[in-house]
């Protein structure tokens, strides 16, 4: 009888231990899934950051190009205005610009 009680008690302890092991394995699996999910999120964020950095670099390059083009256009306009002024002053020395003949 005492042997049966010892076996029964041992089986109960074994069952409790197996339940604890099962719970620990479930927690570990859940932790692994969370870790995997966080790693995926980090990868996505890193890719997004790289894309944004590339877009920013492209935008800065475009701005620099537009600024250079703007300076070039301003210089051309200034040159044309000087040429027009010179032509007008050479061709109309005695005439008033506001008069129509």
Protein backbone atom coordinates (compact mmCIF):
# COMPACT_ATOMS: atom_id res chain seq x y z
CA UNK A 1 0.00 0.00 0.00
CA UNK A 2 2.76 2.38 0.93
CA UNK A 3 4.43 1.55 -2.37
CA UNK A 4 1.28 2.52 -4.25
CA UNK A 5 1.13 5.83 -2.38
CA UNK A 6 4.78 6.54 -3.18
CA UNK A 7 4.22 5.73 -6.86
CA UNK A 8 1.09 7.86 -6.94
CA UNK A 9 2.95 10.74 -5.26
CA UNK A 10 5.87 10.35 -7.67
CA UNK A 11 3.52 10.32 -10.66
CA UNK A 12 1.87 13.51 -9.41
CA UNK A 13 5.28 15.17 -9.02
CA UNK A 14 6.25 13.98 -12.51
CA UNK A 15 3.02 15.39 -13.93
CA UNK A 16 3.62 18.75 -12.23
CA UNK A 17 7.18 18.80 -13.55
CA UNK A 18 6.02 17.98 -17.07
CA UNK A 19 3.38 20.73 -16.86
CA UNK A 20 6.03 23.21 -15.71
CA UNK A 21 8.30 22.11 -18.56
CA UNK A 22 5.45 22.45 -21.03
CA UNK A 23 4.69 25.97 -19.77
CA UNK A 24 8.37 26.92 -19.98
CA UNK A 25 8.55 25.65 -23.56
CA UNK A 26 5.41 27.61 -24.50
CA UNK A 27 6.89 30.78 -22.98
CA UNK A 28 10.15 30.21 -24.84
CA UNK A 29 8.30 29.66 -28.13
CA UNK A 30 6.26 32.81 -27.55
CA UNK A 31 9.45 34.72 -26.74
CA UNK A 32 11.05 33.41 -29.93
CA UNK A 33 8.04 34.58 -31.97
CA UNK A 34 8.19 38.01 -30.34
CA UNK A 35 11.95 38.18 -30.95
CA UNK A 36 11.44 37.13 -34.57
CA UNK A 37 8.71 39.73 -35.01
CA UNK A 38 10.93 42.43 -33.50
CA UNK A 39 13.79 41.40 -35.77
CA UNK A 40 11.48 41.66 -38.79
CA UNK A 41 10.28 45.09 -37.63
CA UNK A 42 13.87 46.22 -37.22
CA UNK A 43 14.72 45.02 -40.72
CA UNK A 44 11.72 46.87 -42.16
CA UNK A 45 12.64 50.04 -40.29
CA UNK A 46 16.22 49.79 -41.50
CA UNK A 47 15.06 49.37 -45.11
CA UNK A 48 12.68 52.33 -44.73
CA UNK A 49 15.52 54.43 -43.30
CA UNK A 50 17.75 53.50 -46.23
CA UNK A 51 15.02 54.39 -48.72
CA UNK A 52 14.37 57.72 -47.01
CA UNK A 53 18.10 58.51 -46.93
CA UNK A 54 18.36 57.73 -50.65
CA UNK A 55 15.30 59.89 -51.41
CA UNK A 56 16.78 62.72 -49.34
CA UNK A 57 20.09 62.47 -51.20
CA UNK A 58 18.23 62.53 -54.53
CA UNK A 59 16.21 65.57 -53.44
CA UNK A 60 19.34 67.43 -52.30
CA UNK A 61 21.03 66.65 -55.63
CA UNK A 62 17.94 67.92 -57.50
CA UNK A 63 17.88 71.11 -55.40
CA UNK A 64 21.56 71.73 -56.10
CA UNK A 65 20.99 71.18 -59.81
CA UNK A 66 18.02 73.57 -59.82
CA UNK A 67 20.01 76.20 -57.92
CA UNK A 68 22.82 75.96 -60.46
CA UNK A 69 20.33 76.23 -63.32
CA UNK A 70 18.72 79.23 -61.64
CA UNK A 71 22.09 81.01 -61.34
CA UNK A 72 22.81 80.27 -65.02
CA UNK A 73 19.41 81.61 -66.12
CA UNK A 74 19.85 84.75 -64.01
CA UNK A 75 23.23 85.40 -65.62
CA UNK A 76 21.80 84.90 -69.11
CA UNK A 77 18.90 87.25 -68.39
CA UNK A 78 21.29 89.87 -67.03
CA UNK A 79 23.48 89.54 -70.14
CA UNK A 80 20.49 89.87 -72.47
CA UNK A 81 19.24 92.92 -70.57
CA UNK A 82 22.67 94.58 -70.92
CA UNK A 83 22.76 93.76 -74.64
CA UNK A 84 19.25 95.14 -75.16
CA UNK A 85 20.13 98.31 -73.26
CA UNK A 86 23.27 98.74 -75.38
CA UNK A 87 21.33 98.18 -78.61
CA UNK A 88 18.67 100.66 -77.59
CA UNK A 89 21.19 103.26 -76.57
CA UNK A 90 23.17 102.80 -79.81
CA UNK A 91 20.18 102.81 -82.16
CA UNK A 92 18.15 105.55 -80.55
CA UNK A 93 20.58 108.25 -79.37
CA UNK A 94 18.39 111.22 -80.30
CA UNK A 95 14.92 109.74 -80.06
CA UNK A 96 12.68 109.62 -77.06
CA UNK A 97 11.52 106.06 -76.39
CA UNK A 98 7.99 107.16 -75.56
CA UNK A 99 7.35 108.96 -78.88
CA UNK A 100 5.70 107.30 -81.84
CA UNK A 101 6.41 108.77 -85.31
